[in-house]
Amino acid sequence: TCELEEVVKTISYNSKEAVEGTLFFCKG
């Protein structure tokens, strides 16, 4: 229910690569 207007600058499933604007995938 949070605001979904956040701008996504990158996507990743590696937490070490996460930066401002990352859509993070919890997988595996």
mmCIF file of all heavy atoms, coordinates in Angstrom:
data_MODEL
# 
_entry.id   MODEL 
# 
loop_
_atom_site.group_PDB 
_atom_site.id 
_atom_site.type_symbol 
_atom_site.label_atom_id 
_atom_site.label_alt_id 
_atom_site.label_comp_id 
_atom_site.label_asym_id 
_atom_site.label_entity_id 
_atom_site.label_seq_id 
_atom_site.pdbx_PDB_ins_code 
_atom_site.Cartn_x 
_atom_site.Cartn_y 
_atom_site.Cartn_z 
_atom_site.occupancy 
_atom_site.B_iso_or_equiv 
_atom_site.pdbx_formal_charge 
_atom_site.auth_seq_id 
_atom_site.auth_comp_id 
_atom_site.auth_asym_id 
_atom_site.auth_atom_id 
_atom_site.pdbx_PDB_model_num 
ATOM 1   N N   . THR A 1 1  ? 0.829  -1.207  0.000   1.00 0.00 ? 1  THR A N   1 
ATOM 2   C CA  . THR A 1 1  ? 0.000  0.000   0.000   1.00 0.00 ? 1  THR A CA  1 
ATOM 3   C C   . THR A 1 1  ? 0.863  1.256   0.000   1.00 0.00 ? 1  THR A C   1 
ATOM 4   O O   . THR A 1 1  ? 0.347  2.358   -0.007  1.00 0.00 ? 1  THR A O   1 
ATOM 5   C CB  . THR A 1 1  ? -0.933 0.013   1.224   1.00 0.00 ? 1  THR A CB  1 
ATOM 6   O OG1 . THR A 1 1  ? -0.141 -0.085  2.409   1.00 0.00 ? 1  THR A OG1 1 
ATOM 7   C CG2 . THR A 1 1  ? -1.922 -1.129  1.166   1.00 0.00 ? 1  THR A CG2 1 
ATOM 8   N N   . CYS A 1 2  ? 2.181  1.090   0.001   1.00 0.00 ? 2  CYS A N   1 
ATOM 9   C CA  . CYS A 1 2  ? 3.103  2.231   -0.072  1.00 0.00 ? 2  CYS A CA  1 
ATOM 10  C C   . CYS A 1 2  ? 2.998  2.885   -1.447  1.00 0.00 ? 2  CYS A C   1 
ATOM 11  O O   . CYS A 1 2  ? 2.483  2.307   -2.394  1.00 0.00 ? 2  CYS A O   1 
ATOM 12  C CB  . CYS A 1 2  ? 4.548  1.784   0.147   1.00 0.00 ? 2  CYS A CB  1 
ATOM 13  S SG  . CYS A 1 2  ? 4.907  1.194   1.800   1.00 0.00 ? 2  CYS A SG  1 
ATOM 14  N N   . GLU A 1 3  ? 3.513  4.063   -1.547  1.00 0.00 ? 3  GLU A N   1 
ATOM 15  C CA  . GLU A 1 3  ? 3.551  4.813   -2.798  1.00 0.00 ? 3  GLU A CA  1 
ATOM 16  C C   . GLU A 1 3  ? 4.333  4.042   -3.867  1.00 0.00 ? 3  GLU A C   1 
ATOM 17  O O   . GLU A 1 3  ? 5.467  3.639   -3.630  1.00 0.00 ? 3  GLU A O   1 
ATOM 18  C CB  . GLU A 1 3  ? 4.212  6.168   -2.555  1.00 0.00 ? 3  GLU A CB  1 
ATOM 19  C CG  . GLU A 1 3  ? 4.273  7.056   -3.748  1.00 0.00 ? 3  GLU A CG  1 
ATOM 20  C CD  . GLU A 1 3  ? 2.916  7.442   -4.297  1.00 0.00 ? 3  GLU A CD  1 
ATOM 21  O OE1 . GLU A 1 3  ? 2.027  7.800   -3.507  1.00 0.00 ? 3  GLU A OE1 1 
ATOM 22  O OE2 . GLU A 1 3  ? 2.743  7.362   -5.522  1.00 0.00 ? 3  GLU A OE2 1 
ATOM 23  N N   . LEU A 1 4  ? 3.722  3.858   -5.026  1.00 0.00 ? 4  LEU A N   1 
ATOM 24  C CA  . LEU A 1 4  ? 4.363  3.102   -6.107  1.00 0.00 ? 4  LEU A CA  1 
ATOM 25  C C   . LEU A 1 4  ? 4.926  4.014   -7.193  1.00 0.00 ? 4  LEU A C   1 
ATOM 26  O O   . LEU A 1 4  ? 5.262  3.567   -8.276  1.00 0.00 ? 4  LEU A O   1 
ATOM 27  C CB  . LEU A 1 4  ? 3.372  2.122   -6.728  1.00 0.00 ? 4  LEU A CB  1 
ATOM 28  C CG  . LEU A 1 4  ? 2.810  1.058   -5.796  1.00 0.00 ? 4  LEU A CG  1 
ATOM 29  C CD1 . LEU A 1 4  ? 1.791  0.193   -6.518  1.00 0.00 ? 4  LEU A CD1 1 
ATOM 30  C CD2 . LEU A 1 4  ? 3.912  0.194   -5.218  1.00 0.00 ? 4  LEU A CD2 1 
ATOM 31  N N   . GLU A 1 5  ? 5.044  5.291   -6.894  1.00 0.00 ? 5  GLU A N   1 
ATOM 32  C CA  . GLU A 1 5  ? 5.550  6.262   -7.859  1.00 0.00 ? 5  GLU A CA  1 
ATOM 33  C C   . GLU A 1 5  ? 7.067  6.415   -7.792  1.00 0.00 ? 5  GLU A C   1 
ATOM 34  O O   . GLU A 1 5  ? 7.634  7.248   -8.481  1.00 0.00 ? 5  GLU A O   1 
ATOM 35  C CB  . GLU A 1 5  ? 4.888  7.629   -7.622  1.00 0.00 ? 5  GLU A CB  1 
ATOM 36  C CG  . GLU A 1 5  ? 3.397  7.649   -7.919  1.00 0.00 ? 5  GLU A CG  1 
ATOM 37  C CD  . GLU A 1 5  ? 3.082  7.419   -9.391  1.00 0.00 ? 5  GLU A CD  1 
ATOM 38  O OE1 . GLU A 1 5  ? 3.810  7.946   -10.262 1.00 0.00 ? 5  GLU A OE1 1 
ATOM 39  O OE2 . GLU A 1 5  ? 2.112  6.706   -9.671  1.00 0.00 ? 5  GLU A OE2 1 
ATOM 40  N N   . GLU A 1 6  ? 7.721  5.610   -6.948  1.00 0.00 ? 6  GLU A N   1 
ATOM 41  C CA  . GLU A 1 6  ? 9.180  5.665   -6.832  1.00 0.00 ? 6  GLU A CA  1 
ATOM 42  C C   . GLU A 1 6  ? 9.814  5.362   -8.191  1.00 0.00 ? 6  GLU A C   1 
ATOM 43  O O   . GLU A 1 6  ? 9.416  4.422   -8.870  1.00 0.00 ? 6  GLU A O   1 
ATOM 44  C CB  . GLU A 1 6  ? 9.678  4.635   -5.811  1.00 0.00 ? 6  GLU A CB  1 
ATOM 45  C CG  . GLU A 1 6  ? 9.299  4.941   -4.393  1.00 0.00 ? 6  GLU A CG  1 
ATOM 46  C CD  . GLU A 1 6  ? 10.219 5.953   -3.749  1.00 0.00 ? 6  GLU A CD  1 
ATOM 47  O OE1 . GLU A 1 6  ? 11.349 6.150   -4.234  1.00 0.00 ? 6  GLU A OE1 1 
ATOM 48  O OE2 . GLU A 1 6  ? 9.788  6.555   -2.765  1.00 0.00 ? 6  GLU A OE2 1 
ATOM 49  N N   . VAL A 1 7  ? 10.805 6.154   -8.549  1.00 0.00 ? 7  VAL A N   1 
ATOM 50  C CA  . VAL A 1 7  ? 11.513 5.953   -9.818  1.00 0.00 ? 7  VAL A CA  1 
ATOM 51  C C   . VAL A 1 7  ? 12.553 4.843   -9.642  1.00 0.00 ? 7  VAL A C   1 
ATOM 52  O O   . VAL A 1 7  ? 13.321 4.852   -8.684  1.00 0.00 ? 7  VAL A O   1 
ATOM 53  C CB  . VAL A 1 7  ? 12.189 7.257   -10.282 1.00 0.00 ? 7  VAL A CB  1 
ATOM 54  C CG1 . VAL A 1 7  ? 13.052 7.010   -11.520 1.00 0.00 ? 7  VAL A CG1 1 
ATOM 55  C CG2 . VAL A 1 7  ? 11.147 8.328   -10.566 1.00 0.00 ? 7  VAL A CG2 1 
ATOM 56  N N   . VAL A 1 8  ? 12.546 3.904   -10.567 1.00 0.00 ? 8  VAL A N   1 
ATOM 57  C CA  . VAL A 1 8  ? 13.495 2.791   -10.549 1.00 0.00 ? 8  VAL A CA  1 
ATOM 58  C C   . VAL A 1 8  ? 14.636 3.131   -11.510 1.00 0.00 ? 8  VAL A C   1 
ATOM 59  O O   . VAL A 1 8  ? 14.412 3.334   -12.697 1.00 0.00 ? 8  VAL A O   1 
ATOM 60  C CB  . VAL A 1 8  ? 12.811 1.474   -10.970 1.00 0.00 ? 8  VAL A CB  1 
ATOM 61  C CG1 . VAL A 1 8  ? 13.820 0.347   -11.064 1.00 0.00 ? 8  VAL A CG1 1 
ATOM 62  C CG2 . VAL A 1 8  ? 11.701 1.124   -10.001 1.00 0.00 ? 8  VAL A CG2 1 
ATOM 63  N N   . LYS A 1 9  ? 15.850 3.197   -10.958 1.00 0.00 ? 9  LYS A N   1 
ATOM 64  C CA  . LYS A 1 9  ? 17.023 3.527   -11.760 1.00 0.00 ? 9  LYS A CA  1 
ATOM 65  C C   . LYS A 1 9  ? 17.783 2.283   -12.201 1.00 0.00 ? 9  LYS A C   1 
ATOM 66  O O   . LYS A 1 9  ? 18.500 2.292   -13.189 1.00 0.00 ? 9  LYS A O   1 
ATOM 67  C CB  . LYS A 1 9  ? 17.953 4.444   -10.975 1.00 0.00 ? 9  LYS A CB  1 
ATOM 68  C CG  . LYS A 1 9  ? 17.303 5.777   -10.649 1.00 0.00 ? 9  LYS A CG  1 
ATOM 69  C CD  . LYS A 1 9  ? 18.224 6.625   -9.812  1.00 0.00 ? 9  LYS A CD  1 
ATOM 70  C CE  . LYS A 1 9  ? 17.525 7.923   -9.426  1.00 0.00 ? 9  LYS A CE  1 
ATOM 71  N NZ  . LYS A 1 9  ? 18.338 8.694   -8.479  1.00 0.00 ? 9  LYS A NZ  1 
ATOM 72  N N   . THR A 1 10 ? 17.648 1.198   -11.440 1.00 0.00 ? 10 THR A N   1 
ATOM 73  C CA  . THR A 1 10 ? 18.305 -0.058  -11.780 1.00 0.00 ? 10 THR A CA  1 
ATOM 74  C C   . THR A 1 10 ? 17.578 -1.206  -11.086 1.00 0.00 ? 10 THR A C   1 
ATOM 75  O O   . THR A 1 10 ? 16.792 -0.973  -10.172 1.00 0.00 ? 10 THR A O   1 
ATOM 76  C CB  . THR A 1 10 ? 19.808 -0.036  -11.387 1.00 0.00 ? 10 THR A CB  1 
ATOM 77  O OG1 . THR A 1 10 ? 20.441 -1.214  -11.892 1.00 0.00 ? 10 THR A OG1 1 
ATOM 78  C CG2 . THR A 1 10 ? 19.995 0.037   -9.890  1.00 0.00 ? 10 THR A CG2 1 
ATOM 79  N N   . ILE A 1 11 ? 17.836 -2.429  -11.524 1.00 0.00 ? 11 ILE A N   1 
ATOM 80  C CA  . ILE A 1 11 ? 17.271 -3.607  -10.874 1.00 0.00 ? 11 ILE A CA  1 
ATOM 81  C C   . ILE A 1 11 ? 18.414 -4.560  -10.544 1.00 0.00 ? 11 ILE A C   1 
ATOM 82  O O   . ILE A 1 11 ? 19.406 -4.608  -11.261 1.00 0.00 ? 11 ILE A O   1 
ATOM 83  C CB  . ILE A 1 11 ? 16.201 -4.311  -11.747 1.00 0.00 ? 11 ILE A CB  1 
ATOM 84  C CG1 . ILE A 1 11 ? 16.787 -4.782  -13.075 1.00 0.00 ? 11 ILE A CG1 1 
ATOM 85  C CG2 . ILE A 1 11 ? 15.012 -3.392  -11.982 1.00 0.00 ? 11 ILE A CG2 1 
ATOM 86  C CD1 . ILE A 1 11 ? 15.829 -5.586  -13.925 1.00 0.00 ? 11 ILE A CD1 1 
ATOM 87  N N   . SER A 1 12 ? 18.263 -5.306  -9.438  1.00 0.00 ? 12 SER A N   1 
ATOM 88  C CA  . SER A 1 12 ? 19.316 -6.238  -9.050  1.00 0.00 ? 12 SER A CA  1 
ATOM 89  C C   . SER A 1 12 ? 18.797 -7.249  -8.040  1.00 0.00 ? 12 SER A C   1 
ATOM 90  O O   . SER A 1 12 ? 17.879 -6.962  -7.279  1.00 0.00 ? 12 SER A O   1 
ATOM 91  C CB  . SER A 1 12 ? 20.492 -5.482  -8.435  1.00 0.00 ? 12 SER A CB  1 
ATOM 92  O OG  . SER A 1 12 ? 21.541 -6.383  -8.107  1.00 0.00 ? 12 SER A OG  1 
ATOM 93  N N   . TYR A 1 13 ? 19.421 -8.433  -8.037  1.00 0.00 ? 13 TYR A N   1 
ATOM 94  C CA  . TYR A 1 13 ? 19.160 -9.423  -7.001  1.00 0.00 ? 13 TYR A CA  1 
ATOM 95  C C   . TYR A 1 13 ? 20.379 -9.568  -6.103  1.00 0.00 ? 13 TYR A C   1 
ATOM 96  O O   . TYR A 1 13 ? 20.389 -10.376 -5.189  1.00 0.00 ? 13 TYR A O   1 
ATOM 97  C CB  . TYR A 1 13 ? 18.750 -10.779 -7.602  1.00 0.00 ? 13 TYR A CB  1 
ATOM 98  C CG  . TYR A 1 13 ? 19.783 -11.379 -8.511  1.00 0.00 ? 13 TYR A CG  1 
ATOM 99  C CD1 . TYR A 1 13 ? 20.820 -12.143 -8.005  1.00 0.00 ? 13 TYR A CD1 1 
ATOM 100 C CD2 . TYR A 1 13 ? 19.716 -11.174 -9.878  1.00 0.00 ? 13 TYR A CD2 1 
ATOM 101 C CE1 . TYR A 1 13 ? 21.775 -12.694 -8.839  1.00 0.00 ? 13 TYR A CE1 1 
ATOM 102 C CE2 . TYR A 1 13 ? 20.659 -11.718 -10.722 1.00 0.00 ? 13 TYR A CE2 1 
ATOM 103 C CZ  . TYR A 1 13 ? 21.686 -12.480 -10.203 1.00 0.00 ? 13 TYR A CZ  1 
ATOM 104 O OH  . TYR A 1 13 ? 22.640 -13.020 -11.029 1.00 0.00 ? 13 TYR A OH  1 
ATOM 105 N N   . ASN A 1 14 ? 21.412 -8.766  -6.343  1.00 0.00 ? 14 ASN A N   1 
ATOM 106 C CA  . ASN A 1 14 ? 22.640 -8.798  -5.552  1.00 0.00 ? 14 ASN A CA  1 
ATOM 107 C C   . ASN A 1 14 ? 22.652 -7.587  -4.628  1.00 0.00 ? 14 ASN A C   1 
ATOM 108 O O   . ASN A 1 14 ? 22.772 -6.454  -5.093  1.00 0.00 ? 14 ASN A O   1 
ATOM 109 C CB  . ASN A 1 14 ? 23.857 -8.783  -6.479  1.00 0.00 ? 14 ASN A CB  1 
ATOM 110 C CG  . ASN A 1 14 ? 25.161 -8.949  -5.741  1.00 0.00 ? 14 ASN A CG  1 
ATOM 111 O OD1 . ASN A 1 14 ? 25.248 -8.731  -4.535  1.00 0.00 ? 14 ASN A OD1 1 
ATOM 112 N ND2 . ASN A 1 14 ? 26.191 -9.313  -6.467  1.00 0.00 ? 14 ASN A ND2 1 
ATOM 113 N N   . SER A 1 15 ? 22.551 -7.812  -3.329  1.00 0.00 ? 15 SER A N   1 
ATOM 114 C CA  . SER A 1 15 ? 22.487 -6.710  -2.373  1.00 0.00 ? 15 SER A CA  1 
ATOM 115 C C   . SER A 1 15 ? 23.753 -5.862  -2.382  1.00 0.00 ? 15 SER A C   1 
ATOM 116 O O   . SER A 1 15 ? 23.710 -4.680  -2.054  1.00 0.00 ? 15 SER A O   1 
ATOM 117 C CB  . SER A 1 15 ? 22.213 -7.232  -0.964  1.00 0.00 ? 15 SER A CB  1 
ATOM 118 O OG  . SER A 1 15 ? 23.205 -8.155  -0.570  1.00 0.00 ? 15 SER A OG  1 
ATOM 119 N N   . LYS A 1 16 ? 24.871 -6.444  -2.795  1.00 0.00 ? 16 LYS A N   1 
ATOM 120 C CA  . LYS A 1 16 ? 26.126 -5.684  -2.860  1.00 0.00 ? 16 LYS A CA  1 
ATOM 121 C C   . LYS A 1 16 ? 26.095 -4.641  -3.972  1.00 0.00 ? 16 LYS A C   1 
ATOM 122 O O   . LYS A 1 16 ? 26.842 -3.681  -3.944  1.00 0.00 ? 16 LYS A O   1 
ATOM 123 C CB  . LYS A 1 16 ? 27.312 -6.629  -3.069  1.00 0.00 ? 16 LYS A CB  1 
ATOM 124 C CG  . LYS A 1 16 ? 27.553 -7.552  -1.899  1.00 0.00 ? 16 LYS A CG  1 
ATOM 125 C CD  . LYS A 1 16 ? 28.669 -8.526  -2.201  1.00 0.00 ? 16 LYS A CD  1 
ATOM 126 C CE  . LYS A 1 16 ? 28.835 -9.517  -1.055  1.00 0.00 ? 16 LYS A CE  1 
ATOM 127 N NZ  . LYS A 1 16 ? 29.842 -10.543 -1.377  1.00 0.00 ? 16 LYS A NZ  1 
ATOM 128 N N   . GLU A 1 17 ? 25.229 -4.845  -4.957  1.00 0.00 ? 17 GLU A N   1 
ATOM 129 C CA  . GLU A 1 17 ? 25.116 -3.914  -6.083  1.00 0.00 ? 17 GLU A CA  1 
ATOM 130 C C   . GLU A 1 17 ? 24.025 -2.866  -5.875  1.00 0.00 ? 17 GLU A C   1 
ATOM 131 O O   . GLU A 1 17 ? 23.890 -1.958  -6.688  1.00 0.00 ? 17 GLU A O   1 
ATOM 132 C CB  . GLU A 1 17 ? 24.809 -4.680  -7.369  1.00 0.00 ? 17 GLU A CB  1 
ATOM 133 C CG  . GLU A 1 17 ? 25.905 -5.614  -7.808  1.00 0.00 ? 17 GLU A CG  1 
ATOM 134 C CD  . GLU A 1 17 ? 25.528 -6.433  -9.022  1.00 0.00 ? 17 GLU A CD  1 
ATOM 135 O OE1 . GLU A 1 17 ? 24.367 -6.362  -9.479  1.00 0.00 ? 17 GLU A OE1 1 
ATOM 136 O OE2 . GLU A 1 17 ? 26.389 -7.166  -9.520  1.00 0.00 ? 17 GLU A OE2 1 
ATOM 137 N N   . ALA A 1 18 ? 23.254 -2.989  -4.825  1.00 0.00 ? 18 ALA A N   1 
ATOM 138 C CA  . ALA A 1 18 ? 22.127 -2.085  -4.604  1.00 0.00 ? 18 ALA A CA  1 
ATOM 139 C C   . ALA A 1 18 ? 22.611 -0.663  -4.335  1.00 0.00 ? 18 ALA A C   1 
ATOM 140 O O   . ALA A 1 18 ? 23.540 -0.442  -3.559  1.00 0.00 ? 18 ALA A O   1 
ATOM 141 C CB  . ALA A 1 18 ? 21.271 -2.573  -3.438  1.00 0.00 ? 18 ALA A CB  1 
ATOM 142 N N   . VAL A 1 19 ? 21.979 0.281   -5.014  1.00 0.00 ? 19 VAL A N   1 
ATOM 143 C CA  . VAL A 1 19 ? 22.260 1.706   -4.842  1.00 0.00 ? 19 VAL A CA  1 
ATOM 144 C C   . VAL A 1 19 ? 20.924 2.447   -4.795  1.00 0.00 ? 19 VAL A C   1 
ATOM 145 O O   . VAL A 1 19 ? 19.866 1.835   -4.901  1.00 0.00 ? 19 VAL A O   1 
ATOM 146 C CB  . VAL A 1 19 ? 23.141 2.256   -5.993  1.00 0.00 ? 19 VAL A CB  1 
ATOM 147 C CG1 . VAL A 1 19 ? 24.524 1.628   -5.983  1.00 0.00 ? 19 VAL A CG1 1 
ATOM 148 C CG2 . VAL A 1 19 ? 22.479 2.038   -7.345  1.00 0.00 ? 19 VAL A CG2 1 
ATOM 149 N N   . GLU A 1 20 ? 21.006 3.733   -4.651  1.00 0.00 ? 20 GLU A N   1 
ATOM 150 C CA  . GLU A 1 20 ? 19.804 4.574   -4.655  1.00 0.00 ? 20 GLU A CA  1 
ATOM 151 C C   . GLU A 1 20 ? 18.973 4.286   -5.906  1.00 0.00 ? 20 GLU A C   1 
ATOM 152 O O   . GLU A 1 20 ? 19.485 4.303   -7.018  1.00 0.00 ? 20 GLU A O   1 
ATOM 153 C CB  . GLU A 1 20 ? 20.225 6.048   -4.643  1.00 0.00 ? 20 GLU A CB  1 
ATOM 154 C CG  . GLU A 1 20 ? 19.084 7.014   -4.525  1.00 0.00 ? 20 GLU A CG  1 
ATOM 155 C CD  . GLU A 1 20 ? 18.661 7.247   -3.098  1.00 0.00 ? 20 GLU A CD  1 
ATOM 156 O OE1 . GLU A 1 20 ? 19.458 7.008   -2.184  1.00 0.00 ? 20 GLU A OE1 1 
ATOM 157 O OE2 . GLU A 1 20 ? 17.510 7.656   -2.914  1.00 0.00 ? 20 GLU A OE2 1 
ATOM 158 N N   . GLY A 1 21 ? 17.703 3.963   -5.724  1.00 0.00 ? 21 GLY A N   1 
ATOM 159 C CA  . GLY A 1 21 ? 16.807 3.728   -6.845  1.00 0.00 ? 21 GLY A CA  1 
ATOM 160 C C   . GLY A 1 21 ? 16.775 2.308   -7.373  1.00 0.00 ? 21 GLY A C   1 
ATOM 161 O O   . GLY A 1 21 ? 16.203 2.050   -8.427  1.00 0.00 ? 21 GLY A O   1 
ATOM 162 N N   . THR A 1 22 ? 17.346 1.347   -6.643  1.00 0.00 ? 22 THR A N   1 
ATOM 163 C CA  . THR A 1 22 ? 17.344 -0.053  -7.083  1.00 0.00 ? 22 THR A CA  1 
ATOM 164 C C   . THR A 1 22 ? 16.033 -0.732  -6.720  1.00 0.00 ? 22 THR A C   1 
ATOM 165 O O   . THR A 1 22 ? 15.543 -0.588  -5.614  1.00 0.00 ? 22 THR A O   1 
ATOM 166 C CB  . THR A 1 22 ? 18.496 -0.834  -6.410  1.00 0.00 ? 22 THR A CB  1 
ATOM 167 O OG1 . THR A 1 22 ? 19.736 -0.250  -6.771  1.00 0.00 ? 22 THR A OG1 1 
ATOM 168 C CG2 . THR A 1 22 ? 18.488 -2.302  -6.808  1.00 0.00 ? 22 THR A CG2 1 
ATOM 169 N N   . LEU A 1 23 ? 15.467 -1.470  -7.660  1.00 0.00 ? 23 LEU A N   1 
ATOM 170 C CA  . LEU A 1 23 ? 14.370 -2.388  -7.355  1.00 0.00 ? 23 LEU A CA  1 
ATOM 171 C C   . LEU A 1 23 ? 15.046 -3.723  -7.078  1.00 0.00 ? 23 LEU A C   1 
ATOM 172 O O   . LEU A 1 23 ? 15.638 -4.326  -7.968  1.00 0.00 ? 23 LEU A O   1 
ATOM 173 C CB  . LEU A 1 23 ? 13.389 -2.496  -8.518  1.00 0.00 ? 23 LEU A CB  1 
ATOM 174 C CG  . LEU A 1 23 ? 12.184 -3.406  -8.295  1.00 0.00 ? 23 LEU A CG  1 
ATOM 175 C CD1 . LEU A 1 23 ? 11.357 -2.943  -7.095  1.00 0.00 ? 23 LEU A CD1 1 
ATOM 176 C CD2 . LEU A 1 23 ? 11.315 -3.475  -9.536  1.00 0.00 ? 23 LEU A CD2 1 
ATOM 177 N N   . PHE A 1 24 ? 14.988 -4.153  -5.820  1.00 0.00 ? 24 PHE A N   1 
ATOM 178 C CA  . PHE A 1 24 ? 15.732 -5.323  -5.368  1.00 0.00 ? 24 PHE A CA  1 
ATOM 179 C C   . PHE A 1 24 ? 14.868 -6.570  -5.424  1.00 0.00 ? 24 PHE A C   1 
ATOM 180 O O   . PHE A 1 24 ? 13.702 -6.552  -5.021  1.00 0.00 ? 24 PHE A O   1 
ATOM 181 C CB  . PHE A 1 24 ? 16.242 -5.104  -3.941  1.00 0.00 ? 24 PHE A CB  1 
ATOM 182 C CG  . PHE A 1 24 ? 17.049 -6.239  -3.404  1.00 0.00 ? 24 PHE A CG  1 
ATOM 183 C CD1 . PHE A 1 24 ? 18.323 -6.491  -3.883  1.00 0.00 ? 24 PHE A CD1 1 
ATOM 184 C CD2 . PHE A 1 24 ? 16.530 -7.075  -2.437  1.00 0.00 ? 24 PHE A CD2 1 
ATOM 185 C CE1 . PHE A 1 24 ? 19.076 -7.549  -3.397  1.00 0.00 ? 24 PHE A CE1 1 
ATOM 186 C CE2 . PHE A 1 24 ? 17.269 -8.127  -1.929  1.00 0.00 ? 24 PHE A CE2 1 
ATOM 187 C CZ  . PHE A 1 24 ? 18.543 -8.372  -2.413  1.00 0.00 ? 24 PHE A CZ  1 
ATOM 188 N N   . PHE A 1 25 ? 15.451 -7.676  -5.902  1.00 0.00 ? 25 PHE A N   1 
ATOM 189 C CA  . PHE A 1 25 ? 14.752 -8.954  -6.003  1.00 0.00 ? 25 PHE A CA  1 
ATOM 190 C C   . PHE A 1 25 ? 15.264 -9.921  -4.946  1.00 0.00 ? 25 PHE A C   1 
ATOM 191 O O   . PHE A 1 25 ? 16.448 -10.233 -4.914  1.00 0.00 ? 25 PHE A O   1 
ATOM 192 C CB  . PHE A 1 25 ? 14.943 -9.567  -7.393  1.00 0.00 ? 25 PHE A CB  1 
ATOM 193 C CG  . PHE A 1 25 ? 14.151 -8.871  -8.449  1.00 0.00 ? 25 PHE A CG  1 
ATOM 194 C CD1 . PHE A 1 25 ? 14.581 -7.662  -8.965  1.00 0.00 ? 25 PHE A CD1 1 
ATOM 195 C CD2 . PHE A 1 25 ? 12.961 -9.401  -8.894  1.00 0.00 ? 25 PHE A CD2 1 
ATOM 196 C CE1 . PHE A 1 25 ? 13.835 -6.998  -9.919  1.00 0.00 ? 25 PHE A CE1 1 
ATOM 197 C CE2 . PHE A 1 25 ? 12.195 -8.747  -9.845  1.00 0.00 ? 25 PHE A CE2 1 
ATOM 198 C CZ  . PHE A 1 25 ? 12.644 -7.538  -10.363 1.00 0.00 ? 25 PHE A CZ  1 
ATOM 199 N N   . CYS A 1 26 ? 14.376 -10.369 -4.084  1.00 0.00 ? 26 CYS A N   1 
ATOM 200 C CA  . CYS A 1 26 ? 14.684 -11.391 -3.076  1.00 0.00 ? 26 CYS A CA  1 
ATOM 201 C C   . CYS A 1 26 ? 14.431 -12.725 -3.766  1.00 0.00 ? 26 CYS A C   1 
ATOM 202 O O   . CYS A 1 26 ? 13.286 -13.074 -4.020  1.00 0.00 ? 26 CYS A O   1 
ATOM 203 C CB  . CYS A 1 26 ? 13.753 -11.258 -1.874  1.00 0.00 ? 26 CYS A CB  1 
ATOM 204 S SG  . CYS A 1 26 ? 13.669 -9.620  -1.150  1.00 0.00 ? 26 CYS A SG  1 
ATOM 205 N N   . LYS A 1 27 ? 15.489 -13.446 -4.094  1.00 0.00 ? 27 LYS A N   1 
ATOM 206 C CA  . LYS A 1 27 ? 15.265 -14.675 -4.854  1.00 0.00 ? 27 LYS A CA  1 
ATOM 207 C C   . LYS A 1 27 ? 16.162 -15.806 -4.397  1.00 0.00 ? 27 LYS A C   1 
ATOM 208 O O   . LYS A 1 27 ? 17.216 -15.590 -3.831  1.00 0.00 ? 27 LYS A O   1 
ATOM 209 C CB  . LYS A 1 27 ? 15.459 -14.447 -6.344  1.00 0.00 ? 27 LYS A CB  1 
ATOM 210 C CG  . LYS A 1 27 ? 16.883 -14.281 -6.777  1.00 0.00 ? 27 LYS A CG  1 
ATOM 211 C CD  . LYS A 1 27 ? 16.982 -14.480 -8.273  1.00 0.00 ? 27 LYS A CD  1 
ATOM 212 C CE  . LYS A 1 27 ? 18.359 -14.816 -8.711  1.00 0.00 ? 27 LYS A CE  1 
ATOM 213 N NZ  . LYS A 1 27 ? 18.925 -16.055 -8.309  1.00 0.00 ? 27 LYS A NZ  1 
ATOM 214 N N   . GLY A 1 28 ? 15.702 -16.973 -4.664  1.00 0.00 ? 28 GLY A N   1 
ATOM 215 C CA  . GLY A 1 28 ? 16.494 -18.164 -4.436  1.00 0.00 ? 28 GLY A CA  1 
ATOM 216 C C   . GLY A 1 28 ? 16.370 -18.746 -3.039  1.00 0.00 ? 28 GLY A C   1 
ATOM 217 O O   . GLY A 1 28 ? 15.962 -18.082 -2.103  1.00 0.00 ? 28 GLY A O   1 
# 
